[in-house]
C-alpha atoms as a PDB file:
ATOM      1  CA  UNK A   1      -7.298  20.639  32.102  1.00  0.00           C
ATOM      2  CA  UNK A   2     -10.067  22.491  31.789  1.00  0.00           C
ATOM      3  CA  UNK A   3      -8.641  25.560  30.270  1.00  0.00           C
ATOM      4  CA  UNK A   4      -7.538  22.432  27.319  1.00  0.00           C
ATOM      5  CA  UNK A   5     -10.555  21.081  26.529  1.00  0.00           C
ATOM      6  CA  UNK A   6     -12.548  24.042  26.196  1.00  0.00           C
ATOM      7  CA  UNK A   7      -9.650  25.343  23.783  1.00  0.00           C
ATOM      8  CA  UNK A   8      -9.625  22.488  21.681  1.00  0.00           C
ATOM      9  CA  UNK A   9     -13.406  22.588  21.368  1.00  0.00           C
ATOM     10  CA  UNK A  10     -13.270  25.775  20.124  1.00  0.00           C
ATOM     11  CA  UNK A  11     -10.454  24.456  17.198  1.00  0.00           C
ATOM     12  CA  UNK A  12     -12.861  22.087  16.657  1.00  0.00           C
ATOM     13  CA  UNK A  13     -15.643  24.271  16.097  1.00  0.00           C
ATOM     14  CA  UNK A  14     -13.421  26.876  14.102  1.00  0.00           C
ATOM     15  CA  UNK A  15     -12.058  24.089  12.202  1.00  0.00           C
ATOM     16  CA  UNK A  16     -15.508  22.291  11.418  1.00  0.00           C
ATOM     17  CA  UNK A  17     -16.602  26.396  10.165  1.00  0.00           C
ATOM     18  CA  UNK A  18     -13.641  26.417   7.854  1.00  0.00           C
ATOM     19  CA  UNK A  19     -13.955  22.486   6.512  1.00  0.00           C
ATOM     20  CA  UNK A  20     -18.257  23.601   5.882  1.00  0.00           C
ATOM     21  CA  UNK A  21     -17.839  27.136   3.865  1.00  0.00           C
ATOM     22  CA  UNK A  22     -14.681  25.993   1.881  1.00  0.00           C
ATOM     23  CA  UNK A  23     -15.604  27.256  -1.838  1.00  0.00           C
ATOM     24  CA  UNK A  24     -12.609  25.720  -3.094  1.00  0.00           C
ATOM     25  CA  UNK A  25     -13.996  22.093  -2.726  1.00  0.00           C
ATOM     26  CA  UNK A  26     -17.427  22.271  -4.212  1.00  0.00           C
ATOM     27  CA  UNK A  27     -16.477  21.117  -7.208  1.00  0.00           C
ATOM     28  CA  UNK A  28     -15.959  18.073  -5.828  1.00  0.00           C
ATOM     29  CA  UNK A  29     -17.688  15.160  -7.004  1.00  0.00           C
ATOM     30  CA  UNK A  30     -20.076  13.826  -4.214  1.00  0.00           C
ATOM     31  CA  UNK A  31     -19.507  16.266  -1.776  1.00  0.00           C
ATOM     32  CA  UNK A  32     -22.518  16.275   0.990  1.00  0.00           C
ATOM     33  CA  UNK A  33     -22.070  18.913   4.118  1.00  0.00           C
ATOM     34  CA  UNK A  34     -22.330  17.229   7.425  1.00  0.00           C
ATOM     35  CA  UNK A  35     -22.942  19.136  10.658  1.00  0.00           C
ATOM     36  CA  UNK A  36     -18.711  18.599  11.858  1.00  0.00           C
ATOM     37  CA  UNK A  37     -17.981  16.933   8.495  1.00  0.00           C
ATOM     38  CA  UNK A  38     -18.084  16.612   4.691  1.00  0.00           C
ATOM     39  CA  UNK A  39     -18.703  13.841   2.436  1.00  0.00           C
ATOM     40  CA  UNK A  40     -17.164  13.164  -1.089  1.00  0.00           C
ATOM     41  CA  UNK A  41     -16.303  10.650  -3.376  1.00  0.00           C
ATOM     42  CA  UNK A  42     -13.180   9.241  -3.661  1.00  0.00           C
ATOM     43  CA  UNK A  43     -11.323   6.370  -5.111  1.00  0.00           C
ATOM     44  CA  UNK A  44      -8.284   3.751  -5.893  1.00  0.00           C
ATOM     45  CA  UNK A  45      -6.970   2.067  -9.251  1.00  0.00           C
ATOM     46  CA  UNK A  46      -5.741  -1.141  -9.603  1.00  0.00           C
ATOM     47  CA  UNK A  47      -4.395  -2.009 -12.944  1.00  0.00           C
ATOM     48  CA  UNK A  48      -5.826  -5.794 -11.966  1.00  0.00           C
ATOM     49  CA  UNK A  49      -9.117  -5.024 -10.299  1.00  0.00           C
ATOM     50  CA  UNK A  50      -9.836  -1.684 -12.056  1.00  0.00           C
ATOM     51  CA  UNK A  51     -11.354   1.670  -9.378  1.00  0.00           C
ATOM     52  CA  UNK A  52     -12.406   0.565  -6.307  1.00  0.00           C
ATOM     53  CA  UNK A  53     -14.829   3.398  -5.592  1.00  0.00           C
ATOM     54  CA  UNK A  54     -16.037   4.728  -1.789  1.00  0.00           C
ATOM     55  CA  UNK A  55     -17.021   7.591   0.167  1.00  0.00           C
ATOM     56  CA  UNK A  56     -14.257   9.663   2.184  1.00  0.00           C
ATOM     57  CA  UNK A  57     -15.623  11.473   5.406  1.00  0.00           C
ATOM     58  CA  UNK A  58     -12.966  14.213   6.305  1.00  0.00           C
ATOM     59  CA  UNK A  59     -14.203  15.257   9.881  1.00  0.00           C
ATOM     60  CA  UNK A  60     -13.467  18.783  11.819  1.00  0.00           C
ATOM     61  CA  UNK A  61     -11.606  17.101  13.983  1.00  0.00           C
ATOM     62  CA  UNK A  62      -8.864  15.967  11.198  1.00  0.00           C
ATOM     63  CA  UNK A  63      -9.687  12.411  10.812  1.00  0.00           C
ATOM     64  CA  UNK A  64     -10.518  10.786   7.473  1.00  0.00           C
ATOM     65  CA  UNK A  65     -12.606   7.606   7.181  1.00  0.00           C
ATOM     66  CA  UNK A  66     -13.770   5.642   4.040  1.00  0.00           C
ATOM     67  CA  UNK A  67     -17.001   3.378   3.749  1.00  0.00           C
ATOM     68  CA  UNK A  68     -16.443   1.606   0.575  1.00  0.00           C
ATOM     69  CA  UNK A  69     -18.372   0.228  -2.322  1.00  0.00           C
ATOM     70  CA  UNK A  70     -16.159  -1.393  -4.287  1.00  0.00           C
ATOM     71  CA  UNK A  71     -18.850  -4.395  -4.286  1.00  0.00           C
ATOM     72  CA  UNK A  72     -21.974  -5.135  -3.385  1.00  0.00           C
ATOM     73  CA  UNK A  73     -21.191  -6.987  -0.723  1.00  0.00           C
ATOM     74  CA  UNK A  74     -18.334  -5.076   0.762  1.00  0.00           C
ATOM     75  CA  UNK A  75     -18.841  -4.502   4.389  1.00  0.00           C
ATOM     76  CA  UNK A  76     -15.718  -1.967   5.195  1.00  0.00           C
ATOM     77  CA  UNK A  77     -17.490   1.361   6.139  1.00  0.00           C
ATOM     78  CA  UNK A  78     -14.708   2.649   8.586  1.00  0.00           C
ATOM     79  CA  UNK A  79     -11.134   1.987   6.571  1.00  0.00           C
ATOM     80  CA  UNK A  80      -7.589   4.474   6.869  1.00  0.00           C
ATOM     81  CA  UNK A  81      -6.265   5.602   3.927  1.00  0.00           C
ATOM     82  CA  UNK A  82      -3.459   3.430   3.967  1.00  0.00           C
ATOM     83  CA  UNK A  83      -6.191   0.357   4.556  1.00  0.00           C
ATOM     84  CA  UNK A  84      -8.417   1.616   1.714  1.00  0.00           C
ATOM     85  CA  UNK A  85      -5.392   1.479  -0.694  1.00  0.00           C
ATOM     86  CA  UNK A  86      -4.635  -1.921   0.601  1.00  0.00           C
ATOM     87  CA  UNK A  87      -7.622  -2.988   0.162  1.00  0.00           C
ATOM     88  CA  UNK A  88      -8.696  -2.402  -3.398  1.00  0.00           C
ATOM     89  CA  UNK A  89      -5.598  -4.525  -4.378  1.00  0.00           C
ATOM     90  CA  UNK A  90      -3.328  -1.571  -5.906  1.00  0.00           C
ATOM     91  CA  UNK A  91       0.149  -3.040  -6.895  1.00  0.00           C
ATOM     92  CA  UNK A  92       3.097  -0.844  -6.880  1.00  0.00           C
ATOM     93  CA  UNK A  93       4.314   1.760  -4.322  1.00  0.00           C
ATOM     94  CA  UNK A  94       2.451   2.737  -1.504  1.00  0.00           C
ATOM     95  CA  UNK A  95       1.514   5.970  -0.893  1.00  0.00           C
ATOM     96  CA  UNK A  96      -2.326   7.112   0.017  1.00  0.00           C
ATOM     97  CA  UNK A  97      -1.833  10.794  -1.178  1.00  0.00           C
ATOM     98  CA  UNK A  98      -1.110  10.379  -4.675  1.00  0.00           C
ATOM     99  CA  UNK A  99      -2.392   6.603  -5.322  1.00  0.00           C
ATOM    100  CA  UNK A 100      -6.045   7.727  -3.301  1.00  0.00           C
ATOM    101  CA  UNK A 101      -8.090  10.213  -5.253  1.00  0.00           C
ATOM    102  CA  UNK A 102     -11.144  12.129  -5.760  1.00  0.00           C
ATOM    103  CA  UNK A 103     -13.159  13.487  -8.849  1.00  0.00           C
ATOM    104  CA  UNK A 104     -13.251  17.066  -9.483  1.00  0.00           C
ATOM    105  CA  UNK A 105     -14.540  18.366 -13.307  1.00  0.00           C
ATOM    106  CA  UNK A 106     -15.199  14.628 -13.835  1.00  0.00           C
ATOM    107  CA  UNK A 107     -10.888  14.005 -13.885  1.00  0.00           C
ATOM    108  CA  UNK A 108      -9.463  11.634 -11.142  1.00  0.00           C
ATOM    109  CA  UNK A 109      -7.164  14.348  -8.737  1.00  0.00           C
ATOM    110  CA  UNK A 110      -4.914  13.007  -6.213  1.00  0.00           C
ATOM    111  CA  UNK A 111      -5.531  13.599  -2.533  1.00  0.00           C
ATOM    112  CA  UNK A 112      -2.410  16.135  -2.223  1.00  0.00           C
ATOM    113  CA  UNK A 113      -3.694  18.268  -4.665  1.00  0.00           C
ATOM    114  CA  UNK A 114      -7.431  17.936  -3.881  1.00  0.00           C
ATOM    115  CA  UNK A 115      -6.788  20.798  -1.448  1.00  0.00           C
ATOM    116  CA  UNK A 116      -8.378  18.258   1.161  1.00  0.00           C
ATOM    117  CA  UNK A 117      -5.059  17.453   2.758  1.00  0.00           C
ATOM    118  CA  UNK A 118      -4.946  20.634   4.290  1.00  0.00           C
ATOM    119  CA  UNK A 119      -7.905  19.148   7.045  1.00  0.00           C
ATOM    120  CA  UNK A 120      -5.815  16.517   7.901  1.00  0.00           C
ATOM    121  CA  UNK A 121      -4.478  16.204  10.845  1.00  0.00           C
ATOM    122  CA  UNK A 122      -1.425  12.820  11.660  1.00  0.00           C
ATOM    123  CA  UNK A 123      -2.448  12.367  15.343  1.00  0.00           C
ATOM    124  CA  UNK A 124      -6.176  12.189  15.277  1.00  0.00           C
ATOM    125  CA  UNK A 125      -5.211   8.762  12.468  1.00  0.00           C
ATOM    126  CA  UNK A 126      -3.202   7.204  14.584  1.00  0.00           C
ATOM    127  CA  UNK A 127      -4.410   3.843  15.690  1.00  0.00           C
ATOM    128  CA  UNK A 128      -5.920   3.526  18.907  1.00  0.00           C
ATOM    129  CA  UNK A 129      -5.517   0.159  21.434  1.00  0.00           C
ATOM    130  CA  UNK A 130      -8.735  -0.823  19.645  1.00  0.00           C
ATOM    131  CA  UNK A 131      -8.084  -0.791  16.452  1.00  0.00           C
ATOM    132  CA  UNK A 132      -4.354  -2.143  16.210  1.00  0.00           C
ATOM    133  CA  UNK A 133      -5.693  -5.620  16.758  1.00  0.00           C
ATOM    134  CA  UNK A 134      -7.610  -4.437  13.483  1.00  0.00           C
ATOM    135  CA  UNK A 135      -5.035  -2.370  11.518  1.00  0.00           C
ATOM    136  CA  UNK A 136      -3.221  -4.132   9.059  1.00  0.00           C
ATOM    137  CA  UNK A 137       0.057  -3.367   9.913  1.00  0.00           C
ATOM    138  CA  UNK A 138       2.671  -3.329   6.473  1.00  0.00           C
ATOM    139  CA  UNK A 139       4.664  -6.846   6.570  1.00  0.00           C
ATOM    140  CA  UNK A 140       8.694  -6.438   7.050  1.00  0.00           C
ATOM    141  CA  UNK A 141      11.398  -9.179   5.116  1.00  0.00           C
ATOM    142  CA  UNK A 142      14.136  -9.887   6.740  1.00  0.00           C
ATOM    143  CA  UNK A 143      17.209  -7.624   5.260  1.00  0.00           C
ATOM    144  CA  UNK A 144      21.108  -7.789   6.042  1.00  0.00           C
ATOM    145  CA  UNK A 145      24.249  -6.161   6.931  1.00  0.00           C
ATOM    146  CA  UNK A 146      27.568  -6.393   6.114  1.00  0.00           C
ATOM    147  CA  UNK A 147      30.333  -6.000   8.186  1.00  0.00           C
ATOM    148  CA  UNK A 148      33.098  -3.581   8.478  1.00  0.00           C
ATOM    149  CA  UNK A 149      35.631  -5.538   9.448  1.00  0.00           C
ATOM    150  CA  UNK A 150      34.999  -9.352   7.769  1.00  0.00           C
ATOM    151  CA  UNK A 151      32.393  -8.627   4.872  1.00  0.00           C
ATOM    152  CA  UNK A 152      30.072 -11.349   5.623  1.00  0.00           C
ATOM    153  CA  UNK A 153      26.485 -10.417   5.442  1.00  0.00           C
ATOM    154  CA  UNK A 154      24.618 -10.715   8.370  1.00  0.00           C
ATOM    155  CA  UNK A 155      20.701 -11.675   8.715  1.00  0.00           C
ATOM    156  CA  UNK A 156      18.498  -9.344  10.551  1.00  0.00           C
ATOM    157  CA  UNK A 157      14.564 -10.223  11.350  1.00  0.00           C
ATOM    158  CA  UNK A 158      11.942  -7.530  10.906  1.00  0.00           C
ATOM    159  CA  UNK A 159       8.933  -9.678  12.729  1.00  0.00           C
ATOM    160  CA  UNK A 160       8.958  -7.002  15.744  1.00  0.00           C
ATOM    161  CA  UNK A 161       8.992  -3.083  16.215  1.00  0.00           C
ATOM    162  CA  UNK A 162      11.919  -3.872  18.576  1.00  0.00           C
ATOM    163  CA  UNK A 163      13.509  -6.189  16.053  1.00  0.00           C
ATOM    164  CA  UNK A 164      12.682  -3.133  13.103  1.00  0.00           C
ATOM    165  CA  UNK A 165      14.704  -0.419  15.970  1.00  0.00           C
ATOM    166  CA  UNK A 166      17.372  -2.540  16.095  1.00  0.00           C
ATOM    167  CA  UNK A 167      17.864  -3.502  12.731  1.00  0.00           C
ATOM    168  CA  UNK A 168      17.139   0.670  12.024  1.00  0.00           C
ATOM    169  CA  UNK A 169      20.318   1.889  14.156  1.00  0.00           C
ATOM    170  CA  UNK A 170      22.008  -1.289  12.720  1.00  0.00           C
ATOM    171  CA  UNK A 171      21.989   0.393   9.603  1.00  0.00           C
ATOM    172  CA  UNK A 172      22.995   3.986  10.633  1.00  0.00           C
ATOM    173  CA  UNK A 173      26.737   2.662  12.224  1.00  0.00           C
ATOM    174  CA  UNK A 174      28.692   3.666  10.216  1.00  0.00           C
ATOM    175  CA  UNK A 175      30.844   1.062  10.617  1.00  0.00           C
ATOM    176  CA  UNK A 176      28.746  -2.015  12.145  1.00  0.00           C
ATOM    177  CA  UNK A 177      30.550  -4.962  12.981  1.00  0.00           C
ATOM    178  CA  UNK A 178      28.995  -8.577  13.727  1.00  0.00           C
ATOM    179  CA  UNK A 179      30.069  -7.482  17.286  1.00  0.00           C
ATOM    180  CA  UNK A 180      27.783  -5.485  17.592  1.00  0.00           C
ATOM    181  CA  UNK A 181      24.693  -7.740  17.171  1.00  0.00           C
ATOM    182  CA  UNK A 182      22.653  -7.519  20.368  1.00  0.00           C
ATOM    183  CA  UNK A 183      21.251 -10.979  19.960  1.00  0.00           C
ATOM    184  CA  UNK A 184      22.475 -14.171  18.664  1.00  0.00           C
ATOM    185  CA  UNK A 185      25.884 -13.178  19.942  1.00  0.00           C
ATOM    186  CA  UNK A 186      27.689 -14.182  16.992  1.00  0.00           C
ATOM    187  CA  UNK A 187      31.427 -12.913  15.865  1.00  0.00           C
ATOM    188  CA  UNK A 188      33.453 -12.510  12.507  1.00  0.00           C
ATOM    189  CA  UNK A 189      34.809 -16.531  12.609  1.00  0.00           C
ATOM    190  CA  UNK A 190      31.256 -17.429  12.561  1.00  0.00           C
ATOM    191  CA  UNK A 191      30.385 -19.028   9.021  1.00  0.00           C
ATOM    192  CA  UNK A 192      28.233 -16.531   6.382  1.00  0.00           C
ATOM    193  CA  UNK A 193      24.873 -17.871   5.456  1.00  0.00           C
ATOM    194  CA  UNK A 194      24.306 -20.043   1.581  1.00  0.00           C
ATOM    195  CA  UNK A 195      23.756 -18.052  -1.124  1.00  0.00           C
ATOM    196  CA  UNK A 196      20.660 -19.573  -1.480  1.00  0.00           C
ATOM    197  CA  UNK A 197      19.839 -19.681   2.163  1.00  0.00           C
ATOM    198  CA  UNK A 198      19.833 -16.007   1.544  1.00  0.00           C
ATOM    199  CA  UNK A 199      17.064 -15.985  -0.459  1.00  0.00           C
ATOM    200  CA  UNK A 200      14.042 -16.858   1.719  1.00  0.00           C
ATOM    201  CA  UNK A 201      13.714 -13.938   3.387  1.00  0.00           C
ATOM    202  CA  UNK A 202      10.405 -14.436   5.297  1.00  0.00           C
ATOM    203  CA  UNK A 203       7.526 -12.888   2.584  1.00  0.00           C
ATOM    204  CA  UNK A 204       4.375 -15.023   3.885  1.00  0.00           C
ATOM    205  CA  UNK A 205       3.311 -14.852  -0.463  1.00  0.00           C
ATOM    206  CA  UNK A 206       6.352 -16.800  -1.606  1.00  0.00           C
ATOM    207  CA  UNK A 207       9.486 -18.034   0.295  1.00  0.00           C
ATOM    208  CA  UNK A 208      11.651 -16.870  -2.870  1.00  0.00           C
ATOM    209  CA  UNK A 209      10.214 -13.577  -3.125  1.00  0.00           C
ATOM    210  CA  UNK A 210      12.638 -11.012  -4.216  1.00  0.00           C
ATOM    211  CA  UNK A 211      10.491  -8.461  -3.167  1.00  0.00           C
ATOM    212  CA  UNK A 212       6.763  -7.829  -3.891  1.00  0.00           C
ATOM    213  CA  UNK A 213       4.044  -5.601  -2.908  1.00  0.00           C
ATOM    214  CA  UNK A 214       3.417  -7.370   0.485  1.00  0.00           C
ATOM    215  CA  UNK A 215       7.252  -8.019   1.868  1.00  0.00           C
ATOM    216  CA  UNK A 216       8.274  -4.304   1.025  1.00  0.00           C
ATOM    217  CA  UNK A 217       7.514  -1.478   3.217  1.00  0.00           C
ATOM    218  CA  UNK A 218       8.471   2.506   1.923  1.00  0.00           C
ATOM    219  CA  UNK A 219       7.318   3.657   5.834  1.00  0.00           C
ATOM    220  CA  UNK A 220       5.053   2.693   8.297  1.00  0.00           C
ATOM    221  CA  UNK A 221       5.079   3.466  11.982  1.00  0.00           C
ATOM    222  CA  UNK A 222       6.711   0.140  12.733  1.00  0.00           C
ATOM    223  CA  UNK A 223      10.216   0.910  11.232  1.00  0.00           C
ATOM    224  CA  UNK A 224      10.228   4.858  11.528  1.00  0.00           C
ATOM    225  CA  UNK A 225      10.560   6.555  14.428  1.00  0.00           C
ATOM    226  CA  UNK A 226       9.495   9.784  16.301  1.00  0.00           C
ATOM    227  CA  UNK A 227      12.614  10.221  18.869  1.00  0.00           C
ATOM    228  CA  UNK A 228      14.912  10.013  15.515  1.00  0.00           C
ATOM    229  CA  UNK A 229      16.265  12.450  13.795  1.00  0.00           C
ATOM    230  CA  UNK A 230      17.574  10.515  10.413  1.00  0.00           C
ATOM    231  CA  UNK A 231      16.679  12.134   7.571  1.00  0.00           C
ATOM    232  CA  UNK A 232      14.098   9.247   7.003  1.00  0.00           C
ATOM    233  CA  UNK A 233      12.250   9.100  10.018  1.00  0.00           C
ATOM    234  CA  UNK A 234      12.239  13.258  10.033  1.00  0.00           C
ATOM    235  CA  UNK A 235      10.978  13.338   6.523  1.00  0.00           C
ATOM    236  CA  UNK A 236       8.373  10.266   7.019  1.00  0.00           C
ATOM    237  CA  UNK A 237       6.248  12.167  10.171  1.00  0.00           C
ATOM    238  CA  UNK A 238       6.164  15.190   8.616  1.00  0.00           C
ATOM    239  CA  UNK A 239       5.452  13.846   4.963  1.00  0.00           C
ATOM    240  CA  UNK A 240       4.442  10.809   5.006  1.00  0.00           C
ATOM    241  CA  UNK A 241       3.153   9.225   8.114  1.00  0.00           C
ATOM    242  CA  UNK A 242      -0.289   7.364   7.447  1.00  0.00           C
END
């Protein structure tokens, strides 16, 4: 255990030294260097509300945290990249690597082009048990899968991680059948939901929503899994995990 602790400490020291001496970051606007972090000006643009400006701290541990300055009354000081993107009220697909930017020579440069992401470590940005209450997870609206036998569409509710996993595994099943449904046992003889009822899919903003930014998830830690080897989960864990 002691050896592991020493190794981790040395790795952190090397990471801090490399980060603090990185000349490639000198042109980023608002650059300030601390004992184990660097701070830069960042932002995220909403078509409706304009730019939300903040201060991004990149720690030697690989953790990224943002203090938001979008208004005089804003008190958000430890936002994750994903939370800052949502806080800015930006609409459209969620992808903080592209949507959160820093200024380099007065130009807005997305994080993935800035050179900062080489210091990002996924494990350091996972929520702790204490953060889980504060963290705003993506909402998942109900989805449907057609039975391979009767061709009727069956509803899957995605309110919990367990329900998301049930839908994920069912979607991966080539010939899913009504009898495979693990809860609310049904058969092919049961009636399909009315078309008008199918339009109600649980969006918290509008029950008749056809897919807004509140109820469409493009991948999060509730619906993507470390122990799944499908291409969707593997790509998310390697490239897009917040």
